Structures are given as C-alpha cells and as structure tokens.
C-alpha atoms as a PDB file:
ATOM      1  CA  MET A   1      41.479  30.518 -11.705  1.00  0.00           C
ATOM      2  CA  SER A   2      39.808  31.922 -14.758  1.00  0.00           C
ATOM      3  CA  VAL A   3      37.163  30.044 -16.726  1.00  0.00           C
ATOM      4  CA  HIS A   4      39.620  29.659 -19.618  1.00  0.00           C
ATOM      5  CA  HIS A   5      42.234  28.185 -17.273  1.00  0.00           C
ATOM      6  CA  ASN A   6      39.705  25.696 -15.866  1.00  0.00           C
ATOM      7  CA  VAL A   7      38.727  24.544 -19.367  1.00  0.00           C
ATOM      8  CA  VAL A   8      42.366  24.054 -20.402  1.00  0.00           C
ATOM      9  CA  HIS A   9      43.032  22.220 -17.133  1.00  0.00           C
ATOM     10  CA  ASP A  10      40.071  19.865 -17.705  1.00  0.00           C
ATOM     11  CA  ILE A  11      41.076  19.215 -21.324  1.00  0.00           C
ATOM     12  CA  LEU A  12      44.631  18.346 -20.262  1.00  0.00           C
ATOM     13  CA  LEU A  13      43.457  15.993 -17.512  1.00  0.00           C
ATOM     14  CA  ASP A  14      40.949  14.281 -19.833  1.00  0.00           C
ATOM     15  CA  TYR A  15      43.677  13.915 -22.488  1.00  0.00           C
ATOM     16  CA  ALA A  16      45.983  12.271 -19.934  1.00  0.00           C
ATOM     17  CA  ALA A  17      43.163   9.975 -18.773  1.00  0.00           C
ATOM     18  CA  ASP A  18      42.405   8.946 -22.372  1.00  0.00           C
ATOM     19  CA  ARG A  19      46.067   7.944 -22.769  1.00  0.00           C
ATOM     20  CA  ILE A  20      45.996   5.964 -19.512  1.00  0.00           C
ATOM     21  CA  PHE A  21      48.410   8.212 -17.586  1.00  0.00           C
ATOM     22  CA  LEU A  22      45.593   9.161 -15.204  1.00  0.00           C
ATOM     23  CA  GLN A  23      42.378   7.495 -14.101  1.00  0.00           C
ATOM     24  CA  LYS A  24      39.220   9.418 -13.300  1.00  0.00           C
ATOM     25  CA  VAL A  25      38.073   8.632  -9.754  1.00  0.00           C
ATOM     26  CA  GLY A  26      35.032  10.377  -8.336  1.00  0.00           C
ATOM     27  CA  GLY A  27      35.557  14.092  -8.881  1.00  0.00           C
ATOM     28  CA  GLY A  28      39.316  13.826  -9.387  1.00  0.00           C
ATOM     29  CA  TYR A  29      42.148  11.905 -11.002  1.00  0.00           C
ATOM     30  CA  ILE A  30      44.855   9.496  -9.845  1.00  0.00           C
ATOM     31  CA  PHE A  31      48.062   8.402 -11.558  1.00  0.00           C
ATOM     32  CA  ILE A  32      47.991   4.888 -12.988  1.00  0.00           C
ATOM     33  CA  HIS A  33      51.773   4.470 -12.780  1.00  0.00           C
ATOM     34  CA  ARG A  34      53.469   5.230  -9.476  1.00  0.00           C
ATOM     35  CA  MET A  35      56.822   5.942 -11.144  1.00  0.00           C
ATOM     36  CA  LEU A  36      55.224   8.618 -13.327  1.00  0.00           C
ATOM     37  CA  MET A  37      53.683  10.267 -10.264  1.00  0.00           C
ATOM     38  CA  GLU A  38      57.034  10.210  -8.467  1.00  0.00           C
ATOM     39  CA  TYR A  39      58.768  11.703 -11.522  1.00  0.00           C
ATOM     40  CA  PHE A  40      56.354  14.645 -11.624  1.00  0.00           C
ATOM     41  CA  GLN A  41      56.851  15.167  -7.888  1.00  0.00           C
ATOM     42  CA  LEU A  42      60.613  15.406  -8.404  1.00  0.00           C
ATOM     43  CA  VAL A  43      60.336  17.707 -11.424  1.00  0.00           C
ATOM     44  CA  GLN A  44      57.926  20.037  -9.605  1.00  0.00           C
ATOM     45  CA  ASN A  45      60.443  20.661  -6.827  1.00  0.00           C
END
C-alpha cells in the first residue's frame, strides 16, 4: 500500500467511526451493527 492509500484508508475509517458505523478498538475497528457487517460481507463476495 502506498502512503497516499494508507491516509485515505485511515480517513475513511475515522469518518465511519465518527458516524457510529465503526468503533475504534485498540489498533483496529469493529462494526457497531452486526447487520451492517453482514451486508458488507455479502456485497464483497
């Protein structure tokens, strides 16, 4: 990953955490809503 990609990735994750889609936990993130996590799993495949 490039430095630019890492910055964009961090901004996106922080944005999602600020809107309570994700929660910061330790050095990572977890989904607040299980249904949202399951939706993204389905869409990814």
